[in-house]
């Protein structure tokens, strides 16, 4: 069975909504969050301080599951958060498990 990692990146203001949404997805066994910073040349939506420092605070979510489940979660995410500006990536995993 193919394993994948879904990575979702959002503004901190959407963090609680996304946590609640992910917890409501009964098919998921869990997820992780991390505070990260985005860097780039576009200044749209950035505060003056963020423009000066060249970074914008973000929250990153990661979900590890089988391909079919990741696809189903992603489709529901697209419906429920349409137009929200969430950024996502799906990456195949070579190995995953517990030791």
C-alpha atoms as a PDB file:
ATOM      1  CA  UNK A   1       0.000   0.000   0.000  1.00  0.00           C
ATOM      2  CA  UNK A   2       1.355   3.398  -0.982  1.00  0.00           C
ATOM      3  CA  UNK A   3       1.990   5.803   1.886  1.00  0.00           C
ATOM      4  CA  UNK A   4       1.882   9.582   1.428  1.00  0.00           C
ATOM      5  CA  UNK A   5       2.516  12.711   3.445  1.00  0.00           C
ATOM      6  CA  UNK A   6       0.059  15.593   3.095  1.00  0.00           C
ATOM      7  CA  UNK A   7       1.612  18.918   4.097  1.00  0.00           C
ATOM      8  CA  UNK A   8      -0.669  21.915   4.584  1.00  0.00           C
ATOM      9  CA  UNK A   9       0.655  25.436   5.199  1.00  0.00           C
ATOM     10  CA  UNK A  10      -1.542  28.253   6.466  1.00  0.00           C
ATOM     11  CA  UNK A  11      -1.516  31.571   8.272  1.00  0.00           C
ATOM     12  CA  UNK A  12      -1.613  31.255  12.077  1.00  0.00           C
ATOM     13  CA  UNK A  13      -5.061  32.899  12.080  1.00  0.00           C
ATOM     14  CA  UNK A  14      -6.472  29.750  10.441  1.00  0.00           C
ATOM     15  CA  UNK A  15      -4.633  27.321  12.711  1.00  0.00           C
ATOM     16  CA  UNK A  16      -7.493  26.639  15.145  1.00  0.00           C
ATOM     17  CA  UNK A  17     -10.050  26.162  12.360  1.00  0.00           C
ATOM     18  CA  UNK A  18      -7.801  23.664  10.613  1.00  0.00           C
ATOM     19  CA  UNK A  19      -7.029  21.802  13.847  1.00  0.00           C
ATOM     20  CA  UNK A  20     -10.760  21.463  14.536  1.00  0.00           C
ATOM     21  CA  UNK A  21     -11.404  20.338  10.951  1.00  0.00           C
ATOM     22  CA  UNK A  22      -8.644  17.712  11.024  1.00  0.00           C
ATOM     23  CA  UNK A  23      -9.844  16.383  14.397  1.00  0.00           C
ATOM     24  CA  UNK A  24     -13.330  15.942  12.886  1.00  0.00           C
ATOM     25  CA  UNK A  25     -11.909  13.661  10.154  1.00  0.00           C
ATOM     26  CA  UNK A  26     -12.555  10.304  11.835  1.00  0.00           C
ATOM     27  CA  UNK A  27     -10.583   8.429   9.187  1.00  0.00           C
ATOM     28  CA  UNK A  28      -7.326  10.147  10.249  1.00  0.00           C
ATOM     29  CA  UNK A  29      -5.353   8.647  13.109  1.00  0.00           C
ATOM     30  CA  UNK A  30      -3.581  11.935  13.843  1.00  0.00           C
ATOM     31  CA  UNK A  31      -1.511  14.819  12.522  1.00  0.00           C
ATOM     32  CA  UNK A  32       1.348  17.099  13.514  1.00  0.00           C
ATOM     33  CA  UNK A  33       1.743  20.875  13.551  1.00  0.00           C
ATOM     34  CA  UNK A  34       4.812  23.097  13.497  1.00  0.00           C
ATOM     35  CA  UNK A  35       5.464  26.818  13.495  1.00  0.00           C
ATOM     36  CA  UNK A  36       7.382  27.795  10.367  1.00  0.00           C
ATOM     37  CA  UNK A  37       8.256  30.944   8.432  1.00  0.00           C
ATOM     38  CA  UNK A  38       7.575  31.644   4.774  1.00  0.00           C
ATOM     39  CA  UNK A  39      10.033  33.685   2.712  1.00  0.00           C
ATOM     40  CA  UNK A  40       9.524  35.205  -0.708  1.00  0.00           C
ATOM     41  CA  UNK A  41       9.557  38.231  -2.947  1.00  0.00           C
ATOM     42  CA  UNK A  42       5.792  38.844  -2.846  1.00  0.00           C
ATOM     43  CA  UNK A  43       4.686  41.223  -0.098  1.00  0.00           C
ATOM     44  CA  UNK A  44       0.938  40.756  -0.548  1.00  0.00           C
ATOM     45  CA  UNK A  45      -0.725  40.379   2.844  1.00  0.00           C
ATOM     46  CA  UNK A  46       2.516  40.955   4.757  1.00  0.00           C
ATOM     47  CA  UNK A  47       2.742  43.453   7.598  1.00  0.00           C
ATOM     48  CA  UNK A  48       5.421  46.135   7.492  1.00  0.00           C
ATOM     49  CA  UNK A  49       7.492  44.180  10.047  1.00  0.00           C
ATOM     50  CA  UNK A  50       7.198  41.013   7.928  1.00  0.00           C
ATOM     51  CA  UNK A  51       8.297  42.949   4.851  1.00  0.00           C
ATOM     52  CA  UNK A  52      11.341  44.320   6.703  1.00  0.00           C
ATOM     53  CA  UNK A  53      12.353  40.964   8.192  1.00  0.00           C
ATOM     54  CA  UNK A  54      11.596  39.072   4.981  1.00  0.00           C
ATOM     55  CA  UNK A  55       9.568  36.351   6.661  1.00  0.00           C
ATOM     56  CA  UNK A  56       5.959  35.598   7.473  1.00  0.00           C
ATOM     57  CA  UNK A  57       4.874  33.296  10.269  1.00  0.00           C
ATOM     58  CA  UNK A  58       2.970  30.195   9.124  1.00  0.00           C
ATOM     59  CA  UNK A  59       1.617  26.976  10.604  1.00  0.00           C
ATOM     60  CA  UNK A  60       2.480  23.668   8.949  1.00  0.00           C
ATOM     61  CA  UNK A  61       0.335  20.556   9.310  1.00  0.00           C
ATOM     62  CA  UNK A  62       1.478  17.080   8.293  1.00  0.00           C
ATOM     63  CA  UNK A  63      -0.725  14.034   7.848  1.00  0.00           C
ATOM     64  CA  UNK A  64       0.627  10.566   7.038  1.00  0.00           C
ATOM     65  CA  UNK A  65      -1.730   7.971   5.546  1.00  0.00           C
ATOM     66  CA  UNK A  66      -2.420   5.667   2.625  1.00  0.00           C
ATOM     67  CA  UNK A  67      -2.842   7.271  -0.794  1.00  0.00           C
ATOM     68  CA  UNK A  68      -6.624   6.819  -1.030  1.00  0.00           C
ATOM     69  CA  UNK A  69      -7.186   8.424   2.372  1.00  0.00           C
ATOM     70  CA  UNK A  70      -4.885  11.360   1.593  1.00  0.00           C
ATOM     71  CA  UNK A  71      -6.771  11.924  -1.684  1.00  0.00           C
ATOM     72  CA  UNK A  72     -10.152  11.819   0.091  1.00  0.00           C
ATOM     73  CA  UNK A  73      -8.992  14.244   2.798  1.00  0.00           C
ATOM     74  CA  UNK A  74      -7.537  16.572   0.186  1.00  0.00           C
ATOM     75  CA  UNK A  75     -10.780  16.650  -1.837  1.00  0.00           C
ATOM     76  CA  UNK A  76     -12.824  17.444   1.282  1.00  0.00           C
ATOM     77  CA  UNK A  77     -10.272  20.076   2.309  1.00  0.00           C
ATOM     78  CA  UNK A  78     -10.623  21.745  -1.100  1.00  0.00           C
ATOM     79  CA  UNK A  79     -14.407  21.903  -0.676  1.00  0.00           C
ATOM     80  CA  UNK A  80     -14.452  23.095   2.924  1.00  0.00           C
ATOM     81  CA  UNK A  81     -11.605  25.639   2.622  1.00  0.00           C
ATOM     82  CA  UNK A  82     -12.131  26.864  -0.946  1.00  0.00           C
ATOM     83  CA  UNK A  83     -10.576  30.307  -1.470  1.00  0.00           C
ATOM     84  CA  UNK A  84      -8.814  30.313   1.919  1.00  0.00           C
ATOM     85  CA  UNK A  85      -5.285  30.438   0.510  1.00  0.00           C
ATOM     86  CA  UNK A  86      -4.142  27.145   2.043  1.00  0.00           C
ATOM     87  CA  UNK A  87      -1.010  25.777   0.394  1.00  0.00           C
ATOM     88  CA  UNK A  88      -0.587  21.997   0.212  1.00  0.00           C
ATOM     89  CA  UNK A  89       1.843  19.376  -1.014  1.00  0.00           C
ATOM     90  CA  UNK A  90       1.477  15.598  -1.306  1.00  0.00           C
ATOM     91  CA  UNK A  91       4.694  13.606  -1.128  1.00  0.00           C
ATOM     92  CA  UNK A  92       5.128   9.845  -1.560  1.00  0.00           C
ATOM     93  CA  UNK A  93       6.935   8.125   1.296  1.00  0.00           C
ATOM     94  CA  UNK A  94       9.540   5.451   0.688  1.00  0.00           C
ATOM     95  CA  UNK A  95       9.295   4.106   4.241  1.00  0.00           C
ATOM     96  CA  UNK A  96       7.173   4.896   7.274  1.00  0.00           C
ATOM     97  CA  UNK A  97       6.472   3.121  10.534  1.00  0.00           C
ATOM     98  CA  UNK A  98       7.309   2.827  14.194  1.00  0.00           C
ATOM     99  CA  UNK A  99      10.480   1.474  15.749  1.00  0.00           C
END
